[in-house]
Amino acid sequence: MKVAVPMDMDTISDADSAKYFLIFKIEEKEVVDTKTLLTLEEMLKEKPNAIILNKREKFNGKMENYFCEKNDVDACILEFIEGNLEKIE
């Protein structure tokens, strides 16, 4: 599964104003690969299965949207892997 995280420095940001996007690939509850992309267009070309957001607003209907109330990216990734993030419907 590929998951996108919009970022600004080391914190999650709005997808529309992100400075860059972190794409991480998960296999068997473990991050096996990461990639940094500089634009929204590049991120969408990667076709991630999900995106982690810092707002309870759906970003894209083609991928699963998850809300993380923390700003720390590492903490949000861990929460996602453990299945503790709220899915935005």
PDB file of N, CA and C in Angstrom:
ATOM      1  N   MET A   1       0.841  -1.178   0.000  1.00  0.00           N
ATOM      2  CA  MET A   1       0.000   0.000   0.000  1.00  0.00           C
ATOM      3  C   MET A   1       0.887   1.242   0.000  1.00  0.00           C
ATOM      4  N   LYS A   2       0.563   2.203  -0.849  1.00  0.00           N
ATOM      5  CA  LYS A   2       1.273   3.486  -0.881  1.00  0.00           C
ATOM      6  C   LYS A   2       0.427   4.531  -0.173  1.00  0.00           C
ATOM      7  N   VAL A   3       1.077   5.309   0.693  1.00  0.00           N
ATOM      8  CA  VAL A   3       0.380   6.343   1.458  1.00  0.00           C
ATOM      9  C   VAL A   3       1.111   7.664   1.277  1.00  0.00           C
ATOM     10  N   ALA A   4       0.360   8.739   1.048  1.00  0.00           N
ATOM     11  CA  ALA A   4       0.926  10.075   0.874  1.00  0.00           C
ATOM     12  C   ALA A   4       0.712  10.912   2.126  1.00  0.00           C
ATOM     13  N   VAL A   5       1.698  11.779   2.419  1.00  0.00           N
ATOM     14  CA  VAL A   5       1.583  12.721   3.534  1.00  0.00           C
ATOM     15  C   VAL A   5       2.035  14.092   3.025  1.00  0.00           C
ATOM     16  N   PRO A   6       1.128  15.092   2.963  1.00  0.00           N
ATOM     17  CA  PRO A   6       1.534  16.452   2.596  1.00  0.00           C
ATOM     18  C   PRO A   6       2.312  17.071   3.750  1.00  0.00           C
ATOM     19  N   MET A   7       3.456  17.702   3.429  1.00  0.00           N
ATOM     20  CA  MET A   7       4.332  18.176   4.502  1.00  0.00           C
ATOM     21  C   MET A   7       4.859  19.584   4.274  1.00  0.00           C
ATOM     22  N   ASP A   8       5.232  20.193   5.386  1.00  0.00           N
ATOM     23  CA  ASP A   8       5.953  21.462   5.421  1.00  0.00           C
ATOM     24  C   ASP A   8       6.972  21.308   6.541  1.00  0.00           C
ATOM     25  N   MET A   9       8.212  21.158   6.210  1.00  0.00           N
ATOM     26  CA  MET A   9       9.279  20.808   7.148  1.00  0.00           C
ATOM     27  C   MET A   9       8.984  19.429   7.713  1.00  0.00           C
ATOM     28  N   ASP A  10       8.870  19.279   9.032  1.00  0.00           N
ATOM     29  CA  ASP A  10       8.622  17.970   9.633  1.00  0.00           C
ATOM     30  C   ASP A  10       7.197  17.813  10.138  1.00  0.00           C
ATOM     31  N   THR A  11       6.290  18.647   9.666  1.00  0.00           N
ATOM     32  CA  THR A  11       4.907  18.563  10.118  1.00  0.00           C
ATOM     33  C   THR A  11       3.967  18.354   8.941  1.00  0.00           C
ATOM     34  N   ILE A  12       2.801  17.801   9.236  1.00  0.00           N
ATOM     35  CA  ILE A  12       1.778  17.614   8.211  1.00  0.00           C
ATOM     36  C   ILE A  12       1.178  18.969   7.877  1.00  0.00           C
ATOM     37  N   SER A  13       0.922  19.195   6.595  1.00  0.00           N
ATOM     38  CA  SER A  13       0.318  20.463   6.173  1.00  0.00           C
ATOM     39  C   SER A  13      -0.895  20.187   5.300  1.00  0.00           C
ATOM     40  N   ASP A  14      -1.566  21.253   4.881  1.00  0.00           N
ATOM     41  CA  ASP A  14      -2.670  21.117   3.935  1.00  0.00           C
ATOM     42  C   ASP A  14      -2.122  20.595   2.618  1.00  0.00           C
ATOM     43  N   ALA A  15      -2.863  19.727   1.972  1.00  0.00           N
ATOM     44  CA  ALA A  15      -2.397  19.144   0.712  1.00  0.00           C
ATOM     45  C   ALA A  15      -2.218  20.218  -0.363  1.00  0.00           C
ATOM     46  N   ASP A  16      -3.103  21.208  -0.371  1.00  0.00           N
ATOM     47  CA  ASP A  16      -3.029  22.242  -1.404  1.00  0.00           C
ATOM     48  C   ASP A  16      -1.858  23.202  -1.229  1.00  0.00           C
ATOM     49  N   SER A  17      -1.317  23.319  -0.016  1.00  0.00           N
ATOM     50  CA  SER A  17      -0.212  24.251   0.214  1.00  0.00           C
ATOM     51  C   SER A  17       1.062  23.544   0.687  1.00  0.00           C
ATOM     52  N   ALA A  18       1.132  22.244   0.517  1.00  0.00           N
ATOM     53  CA  ALA A  18       2.294  21.484   0.982  1.00  0.00           C
ATOM     54  C   ALA A  18       3.559  21.897   0.235  1.00  0.00           C
ATOM     55  N   LYS A  19       4.670  21.934   0.963  1.00  0.00           N
ATOM     56  CA  LYS A  19       5.968  22.226   0.344  1.00  0.00           C
ATOM     57  C   LYS A  19       6.470  20.992  -0.405  1.00  0.00           C
ATOM     58  N   TYR A  20       6.105  19.814   0.109  1.00  0.00           N
ATOM     59  CA  TYR A  20       6.450  18.556  -0.557  1.00  0.00           C
ATOM     60  C   TYR A  20       5.567  17.447  -0.012  1.00  0.00           C
ATOM     61  N   PHE A  21       5.641  16.282  -0.626  1.00  0.00           N
ATOM     62  CA  PHE A  21       4.852  15.124  -0.224  1.00  0.00           C
ATOM     63  C   PHE A  21       5.782  13.952   0.051  1.00  0.00           C
ATOM     64  N   LEU A  22       5.529  13.282   1.154  1.00  0.00           N
ATOM     65  CA  LEU A  22       6.235  12.056   1.473  1.00  0.00           C
ATOM     66  C   LEU A  22       5.323  10.903   1.063  1.00  0.00           C
ATOM     67  N   ILE A  23       5.840   9.991   0.254  1.00  0.00           N
ATOM     68  CA  ILE A  23       5.115   8.783  -0.122  1.00  0.00           C
ATOM     69  C   ILE A  23       5.823   7.637   0.564  1.00  0.00           C
ATOM     70  N   PHE A  24       5.087   6.856   1.328  1.00  0.00           N
ATOM     71  CA  PHE A  24       5.709   5.684   1.930  1.00  0.00           C
ATOM     72  C   PHE A  24       4.933   4.446   1.555  1.00  0.00           C
ATOM     73  N   LYS A  25       5.658   3.362   1.381  1.00  0.00           N
ATOM     74  CA  LYS A  25       5.071   2.090   0.990  1.00  0.00           C
ATOM     75  C   LYS A  25       5.106   1.159   2.188  1.00  0.00           C
ATOM     76  N   ILE A  26       3.962   0.542   2.479  1.00  0.00           N
ATOM     77  CA  ILE A  26       3.845  -0.354   3.626  1.00  0.00           C
ATOM     78  C   ILE A  26       3.601  -1.772   3.133  1.00  0.00           C
ATOM     79  N   GLU A  27       4.327  -2.695   3.697  1.00  0.00           N
ATOM     80  CA  GLU A  27       4.095  -4.122   3.469  1.00  0.00           C
ATOM     81  C   GLU A  27       4.148  -4.805   4.824  1.00  0.00           C
ATOM     82  N   GLU A  28       3.107  -5.550   5.153  1.00  0.00           N
ATOM     83  CA  GLU A  28       3.043  -6.298   6.404  1.00  0.00           C
ATOM     84  C   GLU A  28       3.339  -5.419   7.626  1.00  0.00           C
ATOM     85  N   LYS A  29       2.656  -4.272   7.684  1.00  0.00           N
ATOM     86  CA  LYS A  29       2.768  -3.321   8.805  1.00  0.00           C
ATOM     87  C   LYS A  29       4.181  -2.785   9.008  1.00  0.00           C
ATOM     88  N   GLU A  30       4.928  -2.650   7.919  1.00  0.00           N
ATOM     89  CA  GLU A  30       6.284  -2.113   7.993  1.00  0.00           C
ATOM     90  C   GLU A  30       6.535  -1.200   6.792  1.00  0.00           C
ATOM     91  N   VAL A  31       7.172  -0.048   7.040  1.00  0.00           N
ATOM     92  CA  VAL A  31       7.537   0.855   5.949  1.00  0.00           C
ATOM     93  C   VAL A  31       8.737   0.251   5.230  1.00  0.00           C
ATOM     94  N   VAL A  32       8.574  -0.025   3.934  1.00  0.00           N
ATOM     95  CA  VAL A  32       9.646  -0.663   3.167  1.00  0.00           C
ATOM     96  C   VAL A  32      10.296   0.278   2.159  1.00  0.00           C
ATOM     97  N   ASP A  33       9.664   1.432   1.903  1.00  0.00           N
ATOM     98  CA  ASP A  33      10.230   2.364   0.929  1.00  0.00           C
ATOM     99  C   ASP A  33       9.618   3.742   1.155  1.00  0.00           C
ATOM    100  N   THR A  34      10.403   4.787   0.896  1.00  0.00           N
ATOM    101  CA  THR A  34       9.892   6.155   0.972  1.00  0.00           C
ATOM    102  C   THR A  34      10.376   6.942  -0.240  1.00  0.00           C
ATOM    103  N   LYS A  35       9.617   7.971  -0.567  1.00  0.00           N
ATOM    104  CA  LYS A  35       9.966   8.830  -1.694  1.00  0.00           C
ATOM    105  C   LYS A  35       9.465  10.229  -1.369  1.00  0.00           C
ATOM    106  N   THR A  36      10.238  11.237  -1.722  1.00  0.00           N
ATOM    107  CA  THR A  36       9.834  12.620  -1.533  1.00  0.00           C
ATOM    108  C   THR A  36       9.535  13.240  -2.892  1.00  0.00           C
ATOM    109  N   LEU A  37       8.365  13.856  -3.008  1.00  0.00           N
ATOM    110  CA  LEU A  37       7.948  14.500  -4.256  1.00  0.00           C
ATOM    111  C   LEU A  37       7.650  15.963  -3.978  1.00  0.00           C
ATOM    112  N   LEU A  38       7.933  16.817  -4.938  1.00  0.00           N
ATOM    113  CA  LEU A  38       7.843  18.253  -4.709  1.00  0.00           C
ATOM    114  C   LEU A  38       6.520  18.894  -5.094  1.00  0.00           C
ATOM    115  N   THR A  39       5.705  18.218  -5.892  1.00  0.00           N
ATOM    116  CA  THR A  39       4.452  18.849  -6.322  1.00  0.00           C
ATOM    117  C   THR A  39       3.257  17.920  -6.130  1.00  0.00           C
ATOM    118  N   LEU A  40       2.084  18.526  -6.077  1.00  0.00           N
ATOM    119  CA  LEU A  40       0.846  17.776  -5.981  1.00  0.00           C
ATOM    120  C   LEU A  40       0.679  16.866  -7.198  1.00  0.00           C
ATOM    121  N   GLU A  41       1.034  17.366  -8.356  1.00  0.00           N
ATOM    122  CA  GLU A  41       0.904  16.587  -9.587  1.00  0.00           C
ATOM    123  C   GLU A  41       1.765  15.320  -9.546  1.00  0.00           C
ATOM    124  N   GLU A  42       3.007  15.455  -9.054  1.00  0.00           N
ATOM    125  CA  GLU A  42       3.888  14.285  -8.927  1.00  0.00           C
ATOM    126  C   GLU A  42       3.289  13.268  -7.958  1.00  0.00           C
ATOM    127  N   MET A  43       2.733  13.758  -6.858  1.00  0.00           N
ATOM    128  CA  MET A  43       2.132  12.860  -5.873  1.00  0.00           C
ATOM    129  C   MET A  43       0.963  12.102  -6.485  1.00  0.00           C
ATOM    130  N   LEU A  44       0.100  12.792  -7.219  1.00  0.00           N
ATOM    131  CA  LEU A  44      -1.058  12.140  -7.821  1.00  0.00           C
ATOM    132  C   LEU A  44      -0.653  11.105  -8.871  1.00  0.00           C
ATOM    133  N   LYS A  45       0.452  11.347  -9.573  1.00  0.00           N
ATOM    134  CA  LYS A  45       0.951  10.376 -10.564  1.00  0.00           C
ATOM    135  C   LYS A  45       1.399   9.072  -9.908  1.00  0.00           C
ATOM    136  N   GLU A  46       1.805   9.139  -8.648  1.00  0.00           N
ATOM    137  CA  GLU A  46       2.216   7.936  -7.906  1.00  0.00           C
ATOM    138  C   GLU A  46       1.026   7.044  -7.561  1.00  0.00           C
ATOM    139  N   LYS A  47      -0.180   7.597  -7.657  1.00  0.00           N
ATOM    140  CA  LYS A  47      -1.424   6.889  -7.357  1.00  0.00           C
ATOM    141  C   LYS A  47      -1.404   6.209  -5.982  1.00  0.00           C
ATOM    142  N   PRO A  48      -1.233   7.012  -4.930  1.00  0.00           N
ATOM    143  CA  PRO A  48      -1.256   6.411  -3.585  1.00  0.00           C
ATOM    144  C   PRO A  48      -2.645   5.856  -3.263  1.00  0.00           C
ATOM    145  N   ASN A  49      -2.663   4.848  -2.404  1.00  0.00           N
ATOM    146  CA  ASN A  49      -3.923   4.237  -1.981  1.00  0.00           C
ATOM    147  C   ASN A  49      -4.615   5.087  -0.917  1.00  0.00           C
ATOM    148  N   ALA A  50      -3.817   5.873  -0.182  1.00  0.00           N
ATOM    149  CA  ALA A  50      -4.364   6.657   0.931  1.00  0.00           C
ATOM    150  C   ALA A  50      -3.544   7.925   1.130  1.00  0.00           C
ATOM    151  N   ILE A  51      -4.152   8.873   1.842  1.00  0.00           N
ATOM    152  CA  ILE A  51      -3.462  10.105   2.203  1.00  0.00           C
ATOM    153  C   ILE A  51      -3.798  10.423   3.663  1.00  0.00           C
ATOM    154  N   ILE A  52      -2.798  10.897   4.390  1.00  0.00           N
ATOM    155  CA  ILE A  52      -2.988  11.298   5.787  1.00  0.00           C
ATOM    156  C   ILE A  52      -3.079  12.820   5.825  1.00  0.00           C
ATOM    157  N   LEU A  53      -4.161  13.323   6.400  1.00  0.00           N
ATOM    158  CA  LEU A  53      -4.422  14.760   6.414  1.00  0.00           C
ATOM    159  C   LEU A  53      -4.504  15.294   7.838  1.00  0.00           C
ATOM    160  N   ASN A  54      -4.345  16.615   7.964  1.00  0.00           N
ATOM    161  CA  ASN A  54      -4.461  17.244   9.282  1.00  0.00           C
ATOM    162  C   ASN A  54      -5.800  17.950   9.463  1.00  0.00           C
ATOM    163  N   LYS A  55      -6.740  17.713   8.559  1.00  0.00           N
ATOM    164  CA  LYS A  55      -8.103  18.249   8.648  1.00  0.00           C
ATOM    165  C   LYS A  55      -9.082  17.110   8.367  1.00  0.00           C
ATOM    166  N   ARG A  56     -10.273  17.243   8.910  1.00  0.00           N
ATOM    167  CA  ARG A  56     -11.306  16.230   8.666  1.00  0.00           C
ATOM    168  C   ARG A  56     -12.075  16.556   7.392  1.00  0.00           C
ATOM    169  N   GLU A  57     -11.374  16.895   6.324  1.00  0.00           N
ATOM    170  CA  GLU A  57     -11.987  17.202   5.037  1.00  0.00           C
ATOM    171  C   GLU A  57     -11.424  16.243   4.005  1.00  0.00           C
ATOM    172  N   LYS A  58     -12.309  15.669   3.215  1.00  0.00           N
ATOM    173  CA  LYS A  58     -11.879  14.718   2.190  1.00  0.00           C
ATOM    174  C   LYS A  58     -11.093  15.460   1.116  1.00  0.00           C
ATOM    175  N   PHE A  59      -9.930  14.928   0.776  1.00  0.00           N
ATOM    176  CA  PHE A  59      -9.075  15.569  -0.219  1.00  0.00           C
ATOM    177  C   PHE A  59      -9.336  15.018  -1.616  1.00  0.00           C
ATOM    178  N   ASN A  60      -9.411  13.703  -1.749  1.00  0.00           N
ATOM    179  CA  ASN A  60      -9.500  13.081  -3.059  1.00  0.00           C
ATOM    180  C   ASN A  60     -10.347  11.822  -2.942  1.00  0.00           C
ATOM    181  N   GLY A  61     -11.325  11.691  -3.803  1.00  0.00           N
ATOM    182  CA  GLY A  61     -12.203  10.535  -3.765  1.00  0.00           C
ATOM    183  C   GLY A  61     -11.600   9.263  -4.310  1.00  0.00           C
ATOM    184  N   LYS A  62     -10.456   9.353  -4.969  1.00  0.00           N
ATOM    185  CA  LYS A  62      -9.833   8.167  -5.561  1.00  0.00           C
ATOM    186  C   LYS A  62      -8.921   7.436  -4.585  1.00  0.00           C
ATOM    187  N   MET A  63      -8.676   8.019  -3.421  1.00  0.00           N
ATOM    188  CA  MET A  63      -7.842   7.368  -2.417  1.00  0.00           C
ATOM    189  C   MET A  63      -8.527   7.486  -1.060  1.00  0.00           C
ATOM    190  N   GLU A  64      -8.168   6.593  -0.160  1.00  0.00           N
ATOM    191  CA  GLU A  64      -8.707   6.667   1.186  1.00  0.00           C
ATOM    192  C   GLU A  64      -8.086   7.866   1.896  1.00  0.00           C
ATOM    193  N   ASN A  65      -8.889   8.588   2.664  1.00  0.00           N
ATOM    194  CA  ASN A  65      -8.443   9.779   3.381  1.00  0.00           C
ATOM    195  C   ASN A  65      -8.489   9.504   4.877  1.00  0.00           C
ATOM    196  N   TYR A  66      -7.391   9.804   5.575  1.00  0.00           N
ATOM    197  CA  TYR A  66      -7.306   9.576   7.011  1.00  0.00           C
ATOM    198  C   TYR A  66      -6.925  10.867   7.716  1.00  0.00           C
ATOM    199  N   PHE A  67      -7.505  11.066   8.910  1.00  0.00           N
ATOM    200  CA  PHE A  67      -7.225  12.254   9.708  1.00  0.00           C
ATOM    201  C   PHE A  67      -6.268  11.903  10.842  1.00  0.00           C
ATOM    202  N   CYS A  68      -5.240  12.751  11.006  1.00  0.00           N
ATOM    203  CA  CYS A  68      -4.319  12.623  12.132  1.00  0.00           C
ATOM    204  C   CYS A  68      -4.279  13.967  12.838  1.00  0.00           C
ATOM    205  N   GLU A  69      -4.627  13.969  14.127  1.00  0.00           N
ATOM    206  CA  GLU A  69      -4.673  15.231  14.863  1.00  0.00           C
ATOM    207  C   GLU A  69      -3.293  15.707  15.286  1.00  0.00           C
ATOM    208  N   LYS A  70      -2.305  14.843  15.220  1.00  0.00           N
ATOM    209  CA  LYS A  70      -0.938  15.231  15.585  1.00  0.00           C
ATOM    210  C   LYS A  70      -0.269  15.899  14.385  1.00  0.00           C
ATOM    211  N   ASN A  71       0.702  16.751  14.644  1.00  0.00           N
ATOM    212  CA  ASN A  71       1.457  17.379  13.556  1.00  0.00           C
ATOM    213  C   ASN A  71       2.712  16.592  13.204  1.00  0.00           C
ATOM    214  N   ASP A  72       3.148  15.733  14.108  1.00  0.00           N
ATOM    215  CA  ASP A  72       4.380  14.969  13.910  1.00  0.00           C
ATOM    216  C   ASP A  72       4.149  13.859  12.886  1.00  0.00           C
ATOM    217  N   VAL A  73       4.887  13.921  11.783  1.00  0.00           N
ATOM    218  CA  VAL A  73       4.702  12.972  10.684  1.00  0.00           C
ATOM    219  C   VAL A  73       5.007  11.546  11.120  1.00  0.00           C
ATOM    220  N   ASP A  74       6.100  11.345  11.846  1.00  0.00           N
ATOM    221  CA  ASP A  74       6.459   9.995  12.278  1.00  0.00           C
ATOM    222  C   ASP A  74       5.367   9.393  13.164  1.00  0.00           C
ATOM    223  N   ALA A  75       4.816  10.198  14.057  1.00  0.00           N
ATOM    224  CA  ALA A  75       3.744   9.719  14.941  1.00  0.00           C
ATOM    225  C   ALA A  75       2.505   9.347  14.131  1.00  0.00           C
ATOM    226  N   CYS A  76       2.181  10.138  13.127  1.00  0.00           N
ATOM    227  CA  CYS A  76       1.010   9.863  12.289  1.00  0.00           C
ATOM    228  C   CYS A  76       1.208   8.602  11.453  1.00  0.00           C
ATOM    229  N   ILE A  77       2.416   8.408  10.939  1.00  0.00           N
ATOM    230  CA  ILE A  77       2.696   7.191  10.169  1.00  0.00           C
ATOM    231  C   ILE A  77       2.543   5.966  11.064  1.00  0.00           C
ATOM    232  N   LEU A  78       3.068   6.037  12.278  1.00  0.00           N
ATOM    233  CA  LEU A  78       2.941   4.927  13.219  1.00  0.00           C
ATOM    234  C   LEU A  78       1.472   4.658  13.551  1.00  0.00           C
ATOM    235  N   GLU A  79       0.701   5.718  13.789  1.00  0.00           N
ATOM    236  CA  GLU A  79      -0.729   5.569  14.072  1.00  0.00           C
ATOM    237  C   GLU A  79      -1.448   4.924  12.883  1.00  0.00           C
ATOM    238  N   PHE A  80      -1.057   5.298  11.658  1.00  0.00           N
ATOM    239  CA  PHE A  80      -1.668   4.726  10.463  1.00  0.00           C
ATOM    240  C   PHE A  80      -1.365   3.229  10.384  1.00  0.00           C
ATOM    241  N   ILE A  81      -0.107   2.867  10.555  1.00  0.00           N
ATOM    242  CA  ILE A  81       0.300   1.463  10.481  1.00  0.00           C
ATOM    243  C   ILE A  81      -0.438   0.633  11.524  1.00  0.00           C
ATOM    244  N   GLU A  82      -0.635   1.200  12.713  1.00  0.00           N
ATOM    245  CA  GLU A  82      -1.324   0.484  13.786  1.00  0.00           C
ATOM    246  C   GLU A  82      -2.847   0.492  13.623  1.00  0.00           C
ATOM    247  N   GLY A  83      -3.334   1.201  12.598  1.00  0.00           N
ATOM    248  CA  GLY A  83      -4.766   1.233  12.334  1.00  0.00           C
ATOM    249  C   GLY A  83      -5.551   2.138  13.265  1.00  0.00           C
ATOM    250  N   ASN A  84      -4.889   3.152  13.814  1.00  0.00           N
ATOM    251  CA  ASN A  84      -5.519   4.023  14.799  1.00  0.00           C
ATOM    252  C   ASN A  84      -6.007   5.366  14.257  1.00  0.00           C
ATOM    253  N   LEU A  85      -5.891   5.609  12.955  1.00  0.00           N
ATOM    254  CA  LEU A  85      -6.343   6.884  12.411  1.00  0.00           C
ATOM    255  C   LEU A  85      -7.799   6.805  11.971  1.00  0.00           C
ATOM    256  N   GLU A  86      -8.475   7.932  12.068  1.00  0.00           N
ATOM    257  CA  GLU A  86      -9.876   8.036  11.681  1.00  0.00           C
ATOM    258  C   GLU A  86      -9.974   8.163  10.163  1.00  0.00           C
ATOM    259  N   LYS A  87     -10.763   7.282   9.553  1.00  0.00           N
ATOM    260  CA  LYS A  87     -10.996   7.366   8.100  1.00  0.00           C
ATOM    261  C   LYS A  87     -12.042   8.436   7.847  1.00  0.00           C
ATOM    262  N   ILE A  88     -11.747   9.329   6.912  1.00  0.00           N
ATOM    263  CA  ILE A  88     -12.672  10.406   6.546  1.00  0.00           C
ATOM    264  C   ILE A  88     -13.595   9.882   5.449  1.00  0.00           C
ATOM    265  N   GLU A  89     -14.882   9.858   5.735  1.00  0.00           N
ATOM    266  CA  GLU A  89     -15.863   9.326   4.765  1.00  0.00           C
ATOM    267  C   GLU A  89     -16.448  10.441   3.935  1.00  0.00           C
TER     268      GLU A  89
END
